[in-house]
PDB file of all heavy atoms in Angstrom:
ATOM      1  N   VAL A   1       3.393  -9.905  -1.434  1.00  0.00           N
ATOM      2  CA  VAL A   1       4.151  -8.776  -1.351  1.00  0.00           C
ATOM      3  C   VAL A   1       5.570  -9.127  -0.713  1.00  0.00           C
ATOM      4  O   VAL A   1       6.633  -8.649  -1.271  1.00  0.00           O
ATOM      5  CB  VAL A   1       3.552  -7.695  -0.358  1.00  0.00           C
ATOM      6  CG1 VAL A   1       4.507  -6.512  -0.106  1.00  0.00           C
ATOM      7  CG2 VAL A   1       2.239  -7.138  -1.014  1.00  0.00           C
ATOM      8  N   GLU A   2       5.548 -10.103   0.155  1.00  0.00           N
ATOM      9  CA  GLU A   2       6.807 -10.551   0.801  1.00  0.00           C
ATOM     10  C   GLU A   2       7.683 -11.332  -0.252  1.00  0.00           C
ATOM     11  O   GLU A   2       8.818 -11.262  -0.324  1.00  0.00           O
ATOM     12  CB  GLU A   2       6.550 -11.406   1.990  1.00  0.00           C
ATOM     13  CG  GLU A   2       6.025 -10.595   3.159  1.00  0.00           C
ATOM     14  CD  GLU A   2       5.427 -11.419   4.262  1.00  0.00           C
ATOM     15  OE1 GLU A   2       5.518 -12.668   4.121  1.00  0.00           O
ATOM     16  OE2 GLU A   2       4.751 -10.807   5.157  1.00  0.00           O
ATOM     17  N   ARG A   3       6.998 -12.199  -1.119  1.00  0.00           N
ATOM     18  CA  ARG A   3       7.679 -12.910  -2.181  1.00  0.00           C
ATOM     19  C   ARG A   3       8.294 -11.986  -3.187  1.00  0.00           C
ATOM     20  O   ARG A   3       9.404 -12.267  -3.704  1.00  0.00           O
ATOM     21  CB  ARG A   3       6.736 -13.814  -2.936  1.00  0.00           C
ATOM     22  CG  ARG A   3       6.255 -15.032  -2.092  1.00  0.00           C
ATOM     23  CD  ARG A   3       5.730 -16.142  -2.951  1.00  0.00           C
ATOM     24  NE  ARG A   3       4.682 -15.779  -3.911  1.00  0.00           N
ATOM     25  CZ  ARG A   3       3.408 -15.736  -3.569  1.00  0.00           C
ATOM     26  NH1 ARG A   3       3.056 -16.172  -2.413  1.00  0.00           N
ATOM     27  NH2 ARG A   3       2.509 -15.401  -4.549  1.00  0.00           N
ATOM     28  N   ARG A   4       7.696 -10.848  -3.443  1.00  0.00           N
ATOM     29  CA  ARG A   4       8.169  -9.885  -4.459  1.00  0.00           C
ATOM     30  C   ARG A   4       9.252  -8.833  -3.776  1.00  0.00           C
ATOM     31  O   ARG A   4       9.643  -8.026  -4.401  1.00  0.00           O
ATOM     32  CB  ARG A   4       7.031  -9.134  -5.019  1.00  0.00           C
ATOM     33  CG  ARG A   4       5.992  -9.930  -5.723  1.00  0.00           C
ATOM     34  CD  ARG A   4       6.490 -10.732  -6.937  1.00  0.00           C
ATOM     35  NE  ARG A   4       7.049  -9.910  -8.009  1.00  0.00           N
ATOM     36  CZ  ARG A   4       7.547 -10.370  -9.089  1.00  0.00           C
ATOM     37  NH1 ARG A   4       7.581 -11.723  -9.348  1.00  0.00           N
ATOM     38  NH2 ARG A   4       7.953  -9.471 -10.062  1.00  0.00           N
ATOM     39  N   GLU A   5       9.468  -9.124  -2.500  1.00  0.00           N
ATOM     40  CA  GLU A   5      10.510  -8.327  -1.749  1.00  0.00           C
ATOM     41  C   GLU A   5      10.134  -6.839  -1.768  1.00  0.00           C
ATOM     42  O   GLU A   5      11.017  -5.954  -2.021  1.00  0.00           O
ATOM     43  CB  GLU A   5      11.886  -8.588  -2.374  1.00  0.00           C
ATOM     44  CG  GLU A   5      12.335 -10.017  -2.231  1.00  0.00           C
ATOM     45  CD  GLU A   5      13.725 -10.219  -2.864  1.00  0.00           C
ATOM     46  OE1 GLU A   5      14.266  -9.250  -3.479  1.00  0.00           O
ATOM     47  OE2 GLU A   5      14.256 -11.340  -2.661  1.00  0.00           O
ATOM     48  N   LEU A   6       8.869  -6.593  -1.435  1.00  0.00           N
ATOM     49  CA  LEU A   6       8.395  -5.134  -1.370  1.00  0.00           C
ATOM     50  C   LEU A   6       7.892  -4.800  -0.009  1.00  0.00           C
ATOM     51  O   LEU A   6       7.228  -3.743   0.150  1.00  0.00           O
ATOM     52  CB  LEU A   6       7.251  -4.926  -2.412  1.00  0.00           C
ATOM     53  CG  LEU A   6       7.702  -5.058  -3.910  1.00  0.00           C
ATOM     54  CD1 LEU A   6       6.413  -4.959  -4.733  1.00  0.00           C
ATOM     55  CD2 LEU A   6       8.663  -3.912  -4.259  1.00  0.00           C
ATOM     56  N   THR A   7       8.298  -5.548   1.024  1.00  0.00           N
ATOM     57  CA  THR A   7       7.701  -5.258   2.340  1.00  0.00           C
ATOM     58  C   THR A   7       8.126  -3.942   2.892  1.00  0.00           C
ATOM     59  O   THR A   7       7.345  -3.268   3.616  1.00  0.00           O
ATOM     60  CB  THR A   7       8.298  -6.364   3.309  1.00  0.00           C
ATOM     61  OG1 THR A   7       9.730  -6.455   3.191  1.00  0.00           O
ATOM     62  CG2 THR A   7       7.664  -7.708   3.042  1.00  0.00           C
ATOM     63  N   ASP A   8       9.283  -3.465   2.511  1.00  0.00           N
ATOM     64  CA  ASP A   8       9.771  -2.139   3.065  1.00  0.00           C
ATOM     65  C   ASP A   8       9.242  -0.943   2.197  1.00  0.00           C
ATOM     66  O   ASP A   8       9.138   0.166   2.626  1.00  0.00           O
ATOM     67  CB  ASP A   8      11.296  -2.042   3.104  1.00  0.00           C
ATOM     68  CG  ASP A   8      11.891  -2.984   4.044  1.00  0.00           C
ATOM     69  OD1 ASP A   8      11.169  -3.334   5.069  1.00  0.00           O
ATOM     70  OD2 ASP A   8      12.978  -3.495   3.782  1.00  0.00           O
ATOM     71  N   LEU A   9       8.715  -1.243   0.975  1.00  0.00           N
ATOM     72  CA  LEU A   9       8.240  -0.137   0.121  1.00  0.00           C
ATOM     73  C   LEU A   9       6.735  -0.013   0.101  1.00  0.00           C
ATOM     74  O   LEU A   9       6.208   1.128  -0.091  1.00  0.00           O
ATOM     75  CB  LEU A   9       8.713  -0.452  -1.339  1.00  0.00           C
ATOM     76  CG  LEU A   9      10.214  -0.271  -1.633  1.00  0.00           C
ATOM     77  CD1 LEU A   9      10.495  -0.674  -3.120  1.00  0.00           C
ATOM     78  CD2 LEU A   9      10.658   1.221  -1.457  1.00  0.00           C
ATOM     79  N   TRP A  10       6.005  -1.070   0.329  1.00  0.00           N
ATOM     80  CA  TRP A  10       4.577  -1.005   0.140  1.00  0.00           C
ATOM     81  C   TRP A  10       3.931  -0.314   1.358  1.00  0.00           C
ATOM     82  O   TRP A  10       4.217  -0.793   2.547  1.00  0.00           O
ATOM     83  CB  TRP A  10       3.977  -2.417   0.107  1.00  0.00           C
ATOM     84  CG  TRP A  10       2.639  -2.451  -0.595  1.00  0.00           C
ATOM     85  CD1 TRP A  10       1.459  -1.923  -0.067  1.00  0.00           C
ATOM     86  CD2 TRP A  10       2.363  -2.949  -1.906  1.00  0.00           C
ATOM     87  NE1 TRP A  10       0.453  -2.037  -1.019  1.00  0.00           N
ATOM     88  CE2 TRP A  10       0.971  -2.706  -2.132  1.00  0.00           C
ATOM     89  CE3 TRP A  10       3.044  -3.600  -2.841  1.00  0.00           C
ATOM     90  CZ2 TRP A  10       0.275  -3.067  -3.304  1.00  0.00           C
ATOM     91  CZ3 TRP A  10       2.452  -4.033  -4.070  1.00  0.00           C
ATOM     92  CH2 TRP A  10       1.041  -3.853  -4.273  1.00  0.00           C
ATOM     93  N   PRO A  11       3.222   0.759   1.191  1.00  0.00           N
ATOM     94  CA  PRO A  11       2.577   1.515   2.335  1.00  0.00           C
ATOM     95  C   PRO A  11       1.629   0.597   3.103  1.00  0.00           C
ATOM     96  O   PRO A  11       0.991  -0.310   2.521  1.00  0.00           O
ATOM     97  CB  PRO A  11       1.798   2.579   1.653  1.00  0.00           C
ATOM     98  CG  PRO A  11       2.469   2.793   0.322  1.00  0.00           C
ATOM     99  CD  PRO A  11       2.911   1.341  -0.039  1.00  0.00           C
ATOM    100  N   LYS A  12       1.559   0.890   4.494  1.00  0.00           N
ATOM    101  CA  LYS A  12       0.699   0.082   5.348  1.00  0.00           C
ATOM    102  C   LYS A  12      -0.270   0.899   6.037  1.00  0.00           C
ATOM    103  O   LYS A  12      -0.097   2.107   6.277  1.00  0.00           O
ATOM    104  CB  LYS A  12       1.587  -0.740   6.286  1.00  0.00           C
ATOM    105  CG  LYS A  12       2.471  -1.708   5.687  1.00  0.00           C
ATOM    106  CD  LYS A  12       3.402  -2.456   6.775  1.00  0.00           C
ATOM    107  CE  LYS A  12       4.359  -3.472   6.119  1.00  0.00           C
ATOM    108  NZ  LYS A  12       5.193  -4.139   7.180  1.00  0.00           N
ATOM    109  N   THR A  13      -1.416   0.292   6.502  1.00  0.00           N
ATOM    110  CA  THR A  13      -2.309   0.957   7.359  1.00  0.00           C
ATOM    111  C   THR A  13      -1.832   1.007   8.772  1.00  0.00           C
ATOM    112  O   THR A  13      -0.787   0.420   9.166  1.00  0.00           O
ATOM    113  CB  THR A  13      -3.707   0.176   7.394  1.00  0.00           C
ATOM    114  OG1 THR A  13      -3.572  -1.093   7.989  1.00  0.00           O
ATOM    115  CG2 THR A  13      -4.186  -0.039   5.946  1.00  0.00           C
ATOM    116  N   ALA A  14      -2.598   1.710   9.671  1.00  0.00           N
ATOM    117  CA  ALA A  14      -2.168   1.767  11.057  1.00  0.00           C
ATOM    118  C   ALA A  14      -2.177   0.401  11.730  1.00  0.00           C
ATOM    119  O   ALA A  14      -1.468   0.184  12.666  1.00  0.00           O
ATOM    120  CB  ALA A  14      -3.113   2.750  11.850  1.00  0.00           C
ATOM    121  N   LYS A  15      -3.009  -0.509  11.220  1.00  0.00           N
ATOM    122  CA  LYS A  15      -3.075  -1.920  11.806  1.00  0.00           C
ATOM    123  C   LYS A  15      -1.992  -2.789  11.168  1.00  0.00           C
ATOM    124  O   LYS A  15      -1.974  -4.007  11.463  1.00  0.00           O
ATOM    125  CB  LYS A  15      -4.444  -2.452  11.667  1.00  0.00           C
ATOM    126  CG  LYS A  15      -5.426  -1.717  12.449  1.00  0.00           C
ATOM    127  CD  LYS A  15      -6.906  -2.381  12.270  1.00  0.00           C
ATOM    128  CE  LYS A  15      -7.895  -1.578  13.163  1.00  0.00           C
ATOM    129  NZ  LYS A  15      -9.236  -2.337  12.956  1.00  0.00           N
ATOM    130  N   GLY A  16      -1.168  -2.297  10.242  1.00  0.00           N
ATOM    131  CA  GLY A  16      -0.125  -3.090   9.667  1.00  0.00           C
ATOM    132  C   GLY A  16      -0.503  -3.827   8.388  1.00  0.00           C
ATOM    133  O   GLY A  16       0.311  -4.544   7.920  1.00  0.00           O
ATOM    134  N   LYS A  17      -1.649  -3.610   7.857  1.00  0.00           N
ATOM    135  CA  LYS A  17      -2.092  -4.245   6.562  1.00  0.00           C
ATOM    136  C   LYS A  17      -1.527  -3.462   5.377  1.00  0.00           C
ATOM    137  O   LYS A  17      -1.412  -2.137   5.489  1.00  0.00           O
ATOM    138  CB  LYS A  17      -3.606  -4.398   6.438  1.00  0.00           C
ATOM    139  CG  LYS A  17      -4.183  -5.404   7.372  1.00  0.00           C
ATOM    140  CD  LYS A  17      -5.689  -5.597   7.074  1.00  0.00           C
ATOM    141  CE  LYS A  17      -6.304  -6.816   7.826  1.00  0.00           C
ATOM    142  NZ  LYS A  17      -7.784  -6.970   7.437  1.00  0.00           N
ATOM    143  N   TYR A  18      -1.230  -4.175   4.293  1.00  0.00           N
ATOM    144  CA  TYR A  18      -0.753  -3.434   3.092  1.00  0.00           C
ATOM    145  C   TYR A  18      -1.900  -2.702   2.508  1.00  0.00           C
ATOM    146  O   TYR A  18      -3.034  -3.275   2.235  1.00  0.00           O
ATOM    147  CB  TYR A  18      -0.210  -4.435   2.105  1.00  0.00           C
ATOM    148  CG  TYR A  18       1.093  -4.986   2.551  1.00  0.00           C
ATOM    149  CD1 TYR A  18       1.137  -6.331   3.014  1.00  0.00           C
ATOM    150  CD2 TYR A  18       2.245  -4.290   2.611  1.00  0.00           C
ATOM    151  CE1 TYR A  18       2.339  -6.881   3.498  1.00  0.00           C
ATOM    152  CE2 TYR A  18       3.464  -4.841   3.133  1.00  0.00           C
ATOM    153  CZ  TYR A  18       3.523  -6.143   3.592  1.00  0.00           C
ATOM    154  OH  TYR A  18       4.616  -6.721   3.967  1.00  0.00           O
ATOM    155  N   LYS A  19      -1.739  -1.392   2.177  1.00  0.00           N
ATOM    156  CA  LYS A  19      -2.781  -0.536   1.644  1.00  0.00           C
ATOM    157  C   LYS A  19      -3.111  -1.004   0.145  1.00  0.00           C
ATOM    158  O   LYS A  19      -2.169  -1.413  -0.626  1.00  0.00           O
ATOM    159  CB  LYS A  19      -2.395   0.884   1.607  1.00  0.00           C
ATOM    160  CG  LYS A  19      -2.351   1.468   2.980  1.00  0.00           C
ATOM    161  CD  LYS A  19      -2.070   3.023   2.921  1.00  0.00           C
ATOM    162  CE  LYS A  19      -2.080   3.641   4.282  1.00  0.00           C
ATOM    163  NZ  LYS A  19      -1.798   5.072   4.160  1.00  0.00           N
ATOM    164  N   LEU A  20      -4.368  -0.838  -0.124  1.00  0.00           N
ATOM    165  CA  LEU A  20      -4.762  -1.300  -1.628  1.00  0.00           C
ATOM    166  C   LEU A  20      -5.668  -0.222  -2.175  1.00  0.00           C
ATOM    167  O   LEU A  20      -6.291  -0.443  -3.173  1.00  0.00           O
ATOM    168  CB  LEU A  20      -5.483  -2.598  -1.586  1.00  0.00           C
ATOM    169  CG  LEU A  20      -4.663  -3.836  -1.263  1.00  0.00           C
ATOM    170  CD1 LEU A  20      -5.512  -4.995  -0.921  1.00  0.00           C
ATOM    171  CD2 LEU A  20      -3.750  -4.096  -2.445  1.00  0.00           C
ATOM    172  N   SER A  21      -5.645   0.979  -1.613  1.00  0.00           N
ATOM    173  CA  SER A  21      -6.513   2.040  -2.106  1.00  0.00           C
ATOM    174  C   SER A  21      -6.193   2.445  -3.518  1.00  0.00           C
ATOM    175  O   SER A  21      -5.131   2.588  -3.864  1.00  0.00           O
ATOM    176  CB  SER A  21      -6.553   3.265  -1.141  1.00  0.00           C
ATOM    177  OG  SER A  21      -5.193   3.807  -1.080  1.00  0.00           O
ATOM    178  N   ASP A  22      -7.307   2.667  -4.254  1.00  0.00           N
ATOM    179  CA  ASP A  22      -7.099   3.119  -5.647  1.00  0.00           C
ATOM    180  C   ASP A  22      -8.390   4.031  -5.942  1.00  0.00           C
ATOM    181  O   ASP A  22      -9.211   3.642  -6.824  1.00  0.00           O
ATOM    182  CB  ASP A  22      -6.949   1.958  -6.637  1.00  0.00           C
ATOM    183  CG  ASP A  22      -5.639   1.974  -7.418  1.00  0.00           C
ATOM    184  OD1 ASP A  22      -4.759   2.757  -6.996  1.00  0.00           O
ATOM    185  OD2 ASP A  22      -5.517   1.166  -8.211  1.00  0.00           O
ATOM    186  N   PRO A  23      -8.591   5.123  -5.310  1.00  0.00           N
ATOM    187  CA  PRO A  23      -9.790   5.907  -5.449  1.00  0.00           C
ATOM    188  C   PRO A  23     -10.046   6.431  -6.857  1.00  0.00           C
ATOM    189  O   PRO A  23      -9.086   6.716  -7.592  1.00  0.00           O
ATOM    190  CB  PRO A  23      -9.680   7.009  -4.445  1.00  0.00           C
ATOM    191  CG  PRO A  23      -8.163   7.298  -4.294  1.00  0.00           C
ATOM    192  CD  PRO A  23      -7.555   5.876  -4.476  1.00  0.00           C
ATOM    193  N   LYS A  24     -11.366   6.555  -7.220  1.00  0.00           N
ATOM    194  CA  LYS A  24     -11.609   7.175  -8.545  1.00  0.00           C
ATOM    195  C   LYS A  24     -11.210   8.659  -8.542  1.00  0.00           C
ATOM    196  O   LYS A  24     -10.860   9.180  -9.589  1.00  0.00           O
ATOM    197  CB  LYS A  24     -13.166   7.029  -8.797  1.00  0.00           C
ATOM    198  CG  LYS A  24     -13.625   5.530  -9.041  1.00  0.00           C
ATOM    199  CD  LYS A  24     -15.121   5.589  -9.249  1.00  0.00           C
ATOM    200  CE  LYS A  24     -15.664   4.192  -9.449  1.00  0.00           C
ATOM    201  NZ  LYS A  24     -17.089   4.114  -9.843  1.00  0.00           N
ATOM    202  N   ARG A  25     -11.427   9.292  -7.479  1.00  0.00           N
ATOM    203  CA  ARG A  25     -11.087  10.700  -7.289  1.00  0.00           C
ATOM    204  C   ARG A  25      -9.887  10.863  -6.315  1.00  0.00           C
ATOM    205  O   ARG A  25      -9.591  10.024  -5.547  1.00  0.00           O
ATOM    206  CB  ARG A  25     -12.247  11.479  -6.747  1.00  0.00           C
ATOM    207  CG  ARG A  25     -13.524  11.273  -7.652  1.00  0.00           C
ATOM    208  CD  ARG A  25     -13.344  12.130  -8.984  1.00  0.00           C
ATOM    209  NE  ARG A  25     -14.534  11.867  -9.847  1.00  0.00           N
ATOM    210  CZ  ARG A  25     -14.457  12.099 -11.143  1.00  0.00           C
ATOM    211  NH1 ARG A  25     -13.405  12.542 -11.705  1.00  0.00           N
ATOM    212  NH2 ARG A  25     -15.529  11.946 -11.853  1.00  0.00           N
ATOM    213  N   GLY A  26      -9.262  11.992  -6.435  1.00  0.00           N
ATOM    214  CA  GLY A  26      -8.140  12.321  -5.618  1.00  0.00           C
ATOM    215  C   GLY A  26      -6.827  12.214  -6.216  1.00  0.00           C
ATOM    216  O   GLY A  26      -6.692  11.902  -7.477  1.00  0.00           O
ATOM    217  N   GLY A  27      -5.857  12.665  -5.582  1.00  0.00           N
ATOM    218  CA  GLY A  27      -4.454  12.788  -6.224  1.00  0.00           C
ATOM    219  C   GLY A  27      -3.780  11.512  -6.434  1.00  0.00           C
ATOM    220  O   GLY A  27      -4.258  10.374  -5.876  1.00  0.00           O
ATOM    221  N   GLU A  28      -2.748  11.491  -7.194  1.00  0.00           N
ATOM    222  CA  GLU A  28      -2.026  10.322  -7.598  1.00  0.00           C
ATOM    223  C   GLU A  28      -1.396   9.658  -6.342  1.00  0.00           C
ATOM    224  O   GLU A  28      -1.245   8.445  -6.281  1.00  0.00           O
ATOM    225  CB  GLU A  28      -0.954  10.499  -8.623  1.00  0.00           C
ATOM    226  CG  GLU A  28      -1.553  10.869  -9.990  1.00  0.00           C
ATOM    227  CD  GLU A  28      -2.347   9.747 -10.586  1.00  0.00           C
ATOM    228  OE1 GLU A  28      -1.831   8.644 -10.534  1.00  0.00           O
ATOM    229  OE2 GLU A  28      -3.433  10.011 -11.114  1.00  0.00           O
ATOM    230  N   ASP A  29      -1.072  10.468  -5.325  1.00  0.00           N
ATOM    231  CA  ASP A  29      -0.495   9.952  -4.124  1.00  0.00           C
ATOM    232  C   ASP A  29      -1.401   8.983  -3.409  1.00  0.00           C
ATOM    233  O   ASP A  29      -0.969   8.140  -2.592  1.00  0.00           O
ATOM    234  CB  ASP A  29      -0.061  11.077  -3.169  1.00  0.00           C
ATOM    235  CG  ASP A  29       1.137  11.900  -3.723  1.00  0.00           C
ATOM    236  OD1 ASP A  29       1.807  11.312  -4.611  1.00  0.00           O
ATOM    237  OD2 ASP A  29       1.421  12.992  -3.194  1.00  0.00           O
TER     238      ASP A  29
END
């Protein structure tokens, strides 16, 4: 993520990890 210069755009968890959620159900957000 840092190499692709997306550190400021990619959402993070409360612990500072980059989120990777892609649920089968739920909204696009």
